[in-house]
């Protein structure tokens, strides 16, 4: 069995002329990829805008003569209010 090659009918098949059956499929895949890229890009843009709006620090809109209460980080006891007494700006 050494040195012996097995020849099957499949070995003798030759490739036929290149068929353009993949051209419409390739075009539809490319178009769908562009659509998905646009969708993801828009989603990322909206998410970025949304996260910029929703920042953790809010700028207060306090003007002179407003009454405000400040949040106290430490209180005397558990029952004391977190907020200070009203004060005028």
N, C-alpha and C. Protein backbone atom coordinates (compact mmCIF):
# COMPACT_ATOMS: atom_id res chain seq x y z
N UNK A 1 0.81 -1.20 0.00
CA UNK A 1 0.00 0.00 0.00
C UNK A 1 0.86 1.27 0.00
N UNK A 2 2.13 1.13 0.27
CA UNK A 2 2.97 2.31 0.29
C UNK A 2 3.19 2.83 -1.13
N UNK A 3 3.16 4.16 -1.28
CA UNK A 3 3.38 4.76 -2.57
C UNK A 3 2.19 4.73 -3.49
N UNK A 4 1.09 4.25 -3.01
CA UNK A 4 -0.09 4.13 -3.84
C UNK A 4 -1.04 5.31 -3.57
N UNK A 5 -1.52 5.99 -4.58
CA UNK A 5 -2.44 7.11 -4.41
C UNK A 5 -3.83 6.68 -4.82
N UNK A 6 -4.77 7.11 -4.06
CA UNK A 6 -6.16 6.77 -4.32
C UNK A 6 -6.77 7.84 -5.21
N UNK A 7 -7.25 7.48 -6.36
CA UNK A 7 -7.88 8.43 -7.28
C UNK A 7 -9.38 8.19 -7.26
N UNK A 8 -10.11 9.23 -6.93
CA UNK A 8 -11.57 9.16 -6.93
C UNK A 8 -12.10 10.09 -8.02
N UNK A 9 -13.37 9.91 -8.42
CA UNK A 9 -13.93 10.80 -9.44
C UNK A 9 -13.94 12.27 -9.01
N UNK A 10 -14.00 12.53 -7.71
CA UNK A 10 -14.00 13.92 -7.24
C UNK A 10 -12.66 14.59 -7.49
N UNK A 11 -11.59 13.80 -7.53
CA UNK A 11 -10.28 14.37 -7.80
C UNK A 11 -10.19 14.90 -9.22
N UNK A 12 -10.97 14.36 -10.11
CA UNK A 12 -10.88 14.72 -11.52
C UNK A 12 -11.81 15.87 -11.91
N UNK A 13 -12.64 16.32 -10.98
CA UNK A 13 -13.53 17.44 -11.29
C UNK A 13 -12.72 18.72 -11.43
N UNK A 14 -13.06 19.49 -12.39
CA UNK A 14 -12.39 20.77 -12.60
C UNK A 14 -13.36 21.89 -12.26
N UNK A 15 -12.83 22.98 -11.72
CA UNK A 15 -13.73 24.09 -11.39
C UNK A 15 -14.32 24.69 -12.66
N UNK A 16 -15.59 24.98 -12.59
CA UNK A 16 -16.27 25.59 -13.72
C UNK A 16 -15.98 27.09 -13.72
N UNK A 17 -16.49 27.79 -14.68
CA UNK A 17 -16.30 29.23 -14.76
C UNK A 17 -16.89 29.88 -13.51
N UNK A 18 -16.28 30.96 -13.10
CA UNK A 18 -16.74 31.65 -11.89
C UNK A 18 -18.14 32.18 -12.12
N UNK A 19 -19.00 31.80 -11.21
CA UNK A 19 -20.39 32.22 -11.33
C UNK A 19 -20.61 33.47 -10.48
N UNK A 20 -21.43 34.33 -10.96
CA UNK A 20 -21.73 35.57 -10.24
C UNK A 20 -22.99 35.43 -9.40
N UNK A 21 -23.15 34.32 -8.77
CA UNK A 21 -24.35 34.12 -7.94
C UNK A 21 -24.20 34.85 -6.61
N UNK A 22 -22.97 35.15 -6.21
CA UNK A 22 -22.77 35.81 -4.92
C UNK A 22 -22.89 37.33 -5.00
N UNK A 23 -22.92 37.88 -6.18
CA UNK A 23 -22.97 39.34 -6.31
C UNK A 23 -24.22 39.94 -5.67
N UNK A 24 -25.44 39.42 -5.92
CA UNK A 24 -26.61 40.03 -5.25
C UNK A 24 -26.57 39.82 -3.74
N UNK A 25 -26.08 38.67 -3.31
CA UNK A 25 -26.00 38.40 -1.88
C UNK A 25 -25.00 39.36 -1.22
N UNK A 26 -23.88 39.55 -1.86
CA UNK A 26 -22.86 40.45 -1.33
C UNK A 26 -23.40 41.88 -1.23
N UNK A 27 -24.15 42.29 -2.25
CA UNK A 27 -24.71 43.64 -2.25
C UNK A 27 -25.71 43.81 -1.11
N UNK A 28 -26.57 42.82 -0.89
CA UNK A 28 -27.56 42.94 0.18
C UNK A 28 -26.90 42.91 1.55
N UNK A 29 -25.85 42.10 1.70
CA UNK A 29 -25.12 42.06 2.97
C UNK A 29 -24.44 43.40 3.24
N UNK A 30 -23.82 43.96 2.23
CA UNK A 30 -23.16 45.27 2.37
C UNK A 30 -24.17 46.35 2.74
N UNK A 31 -25.31 46.34 2.10
CA UNK A 31 -26.35 47.33 2.39
C UNK A 31 -26.84 47.19 3.83
N UNK A 32 -27.06 45.96 4.26
CA UNK A 32 -27.54 45.72 5.63
C UNK A 32 -26.48 46.13 6.66
N UNK A 33 -25.22 45.89 6.34
CA UNK A 33 -24.16 46.30 7.25
C UNK A 33 -24.11 47.81 7.39
N UNK A 34 -24.31 48.53 6.29
CA UNK A 34 -24.34 50.00 6.35
C UNK A 34 -25.50 50.49 7.21
N UNK A 35 -26.67 49.84 7.04
CA UNK A 35 -27.83 50.22 7.84
C UNK A 35 -27.57 49.99 9.32
N UNK A 36 -26.99 48.84 9.65
CA UNK A 36 -26.72 48.53 11.05
C UNK A 36 -25.68 49.50 11.62
N UNK A 37 -24.67 49.86 10.82
CA UNK A 37 -23.66 50.81 11.29
C UNK A 37 -24.29 52.16 11.57
N UNK A 38 -25.19 52.62 10.69
CA UNK A 38 -25.87 53.89 10.92
C UNK A 38 -26.70 53.81 12.20
N UNK A 39 -27.38 52.69 12.40
CA UNK A 39 -28.24 52.54 13.59
C UNK A 39 -27.38 52.59 14.85
N UNK A 40 -26.27 51.84 14.87
CA UNK A 40 -25.41 51.82 16.05
C UNK A 40 -24.77 53.18 16.29
N UNK A 41 -24.36 53.86 15.21
CA UNK A 41 -23.76 55.18 15.37
C UNK A 41 -24.76 56.16 15.96
N UNK A 42 -26.00 56.12 15.47
CA UNK A 42 -27.03 57.02 16.01
C UNK A 42 -27.32 56.68 17.47
N UNK A 43 -27.37 55.41 17.79
CA UNK A 43 -27.64 55.00 19.17
C UNK A 43 -26.53 55.48 20.09
N UNK A 44 -25.28 55.32 19.68
CA UNK A 44 -24.16 55.81 20.49
C UNK A 44 -24.21 57.32 20.65
N UNK A 45 -24.59 58.03 19.59
CA UNK A 45 -24.68 59.49 19.65
C UNK A 45 -25.75 59.91 20.65
N UNK A 46 -26.94 59.26 20.58
CA UNK A 46 -28.02 59.60 21.51
C UNK A 46 -27.64 59.24 22.95
N UNK A 47 -27.00 58.09 23.15
CA UNK A 47 -26.59 57.71 24.49
C UNK A 47 -25.57 58.69 25.05
N UNK A 48 -24.68 59.17 24.20
CA UNK A 48 -23.68 60.14 24.65
C UNK A 48 -24.36 61.44 25.06
N UNK A 49 -25.31 61.90 24.23
CA UNK A 49 -26.04 63.13 24.56
C UNK A 49 -26.83 62.96 25.85
N UNK A 50 -27.44 61.79 26.02
CA UNK A 50 -28.24 61.52 27.21
C UNK A 50 -27.37 61.52 28.46
N UNK A 51 -26.18 60.91 28.36
CA UNK A 51 -25.29 60.85 29.52
C UNK A 51 -24.72 62.23 29.84
N UNK A 52 -24.56 63.08 28.82
CA UNK A 52 -24.07 64.43 29.09
C UNK A 52 -25.13 65.24 29.82
N UNK A 53 -26.39 65.01 29.50
CA UNK A 53 -27.47 65.73 30.18
C UNK A 53 -27.60 65.25 31.62
N UNK A 54 -27.42 63.96 31.82
CA UNK A 54 -27.65 63.37 33.13
C UNK A 54 -26.35 63.31 33.91
N UNK A 55 -25.85 64.44 34.31
CA UNK A 55 -24.64 64.45 35.11
C UNK A 55 -25.02 64.38 36.59
N UNK A 56 -24.09 63.99 37.40
CA UNK A 56 -24.38 63.83 38.82
C UNK A 56 -24.48 65.17 39.54
N UNK A 57 -23.83 66.19 39.02
CA UNK A 57 -23.83 67.50 39.66
C UNK A 57 -24.84 68.39 38.96
N UNK A 58 -25.78 68.90 39.73
CA UNK A 58 -26.75 69.84 39.17
C UNK A 58 -26.37 71.25 39.57
N UNK A 59 -26.49 72.17 38.64
CA UNK A 59 -26.21 73.57 38.93
C UNK A 59 -27.49 74.18 39.50
N UNK A 60 -27.43 74.67 40.73
CA UNK A 60 -28.64 75.23 41.33
C UNK A 60 -29.03 76.56 40.69
N UNK A 61 -30.31 76.79 40.62
CA UNK A 61 -30.80 78.06 40.07
C UNK A 61 -31.30 78.94 41.21
N UNK A 62 -30.38 79.29 42.08
CA UNK A 62 -30.70 80.10 43.26
C UNK A 62 -30.34 81.55 42.97
N UNK A 63 -31.26 82.44 43.33
CA UNK A 63 -31.00 83.87 43.16
C UNK A 63 -31.07 84.55 44.52
N UNK A 64 -30.69 85.79 44.54
CA UNK A 64 -30.71 86.56 45.79
C UNK A 64 -32.14 86.66 46.30
N UNK A 65 -32.30 86.56 47.60
CA UNK A 65 -33.58 86.66 48.32
C UNK A 65 -34.36 85.34 48.29
N UNK A 66 -33.76 84.27 47.85
CA UNK A 66 -34.41 82.95 47.93
C UNK A 66 -34.17 82.35 49.31
N UNK A 67 -35.14 81.58 49.75
CA UNK A 67 -35.00 80.83 50.99
C UNK A 67 -34.50 79.44 50.63
N UNK A 68 -33.45 79.02 51.32
CA UNK A 68 -32.86 77.71 51.03
C UNK A 68 -32.62 76.94 52.32
N UNK A 69 -32.49 75.63 52.17
CA UNK A 69 -32.09 74.77 53.28
C UNK A 69 -30.90 73.97 52.80
N UNK A 70 -29.84 73.97 53.59
CA UNK A 70 -28.63 73.25 53.23
C UNK A 70 -28.67 71.85 53.83
N UNK A 71 -28.11 70.90 53.12
CA UNK A 71 -28.05 69.53 53.63
C UNK A 71 -26.84 69.42 54.55
N UNK A 72 -27.07 68.92 55.74
CA UNK A 72 -25.98 68.79 56.71
C UNK A 72 -25.40 67.39 56.63
N UNK A 73 -24.07 67.28 56.46
CA UNK A 73 -23.47 65.95 56.35
C UNK A 73 -23.49 65.19 57.68
N UNK A 74 -23.36 65.92 58.80
CA UNK A 74 -23.36 65.27 60.11
C UNK A 74 -24.42 65.92 60.98
N UNK A 75 -25.13 65.11 61.70
CA UNK A 75 -26.14 65.67 62.61
C UNK A 75 -25.83 65.22 64.04
N UNK A 76 -26.49 65.87 64.98
CA UNK A 76 -26.21 65.58 66.38
C UNK A 76 -26.66 64.17 66.76
N UNK A 77 -27.85 63.83 66.32
CA UNK A 77 -28.36 62.49 66.63
C UNK A 77 -29.20 61.98 65.46
N UNK A 78 -29.65 60.78 65.63
CA UNK A 78 -30.39 60.11 64.56
C UNK A 78 -31.72 60.79 64.24
N UNK A 79 -32.31 61.38 65.19
CA UNK A 79 -33.63 61.99 65.01
C UNK A 79 -33.56 63.42 64.47
N UNK A 80 -32.40 64.01 64.44
CA UNK A 80 -32.26 65.38 63.94
C UNK A 80 -32.45 65.39 62.42
N UNK A 81 -32.91 66.50 61.91
CA UNK A 81 -33.16 66.63 60.48
C UNK A 81 -31.85 66.66 59.70
N UNK A 82 -31.90 66.13 58.49
CA UNK A 82 -30.73 66.16 57.61
C UNK A 82 -30.53 67.59 57.10
N UNK A 83 -31.61 68.35 57.02
CA UNK A 83 -31.56 69.69 56.44
C UNK A 83 -31.43 70.75 57.53
N UNK A 84 -30.76 71.85 57.21
CA UNK A 84 -30.61 72.94 58.17
C UNK A 84 -31.91 73.74 58.22
N UNK A 85 -31.92 74.72 59.09
CA UNK A 85 -33.09 75.59 59.15
C UNK A 85 -33.09 76.50 57.92
N UNK A 86 -34.25 77.03 57.51
CA UNK A 86 -34.29 77.88 56.33
C UNK A 86 -33.44 79.14 56.48
N UNK A 87 -32.72 79.46 55.43
CA UNK A 87 -31.88 80.64 55.44
C UNK A 87 -32.09 81.40 54.14
N UNK A 88 -31.99 82.72 54.24
CA UNK A 88 -32.19 83.54 53.05
C UNK A 88 -30.84 83.87 52.41
N UNK A 89 -30.81 83.79 51.09
CA UNK A 89 -29.57 84.06 50.34
C UNK A 89 -29.39 85.56 50.25
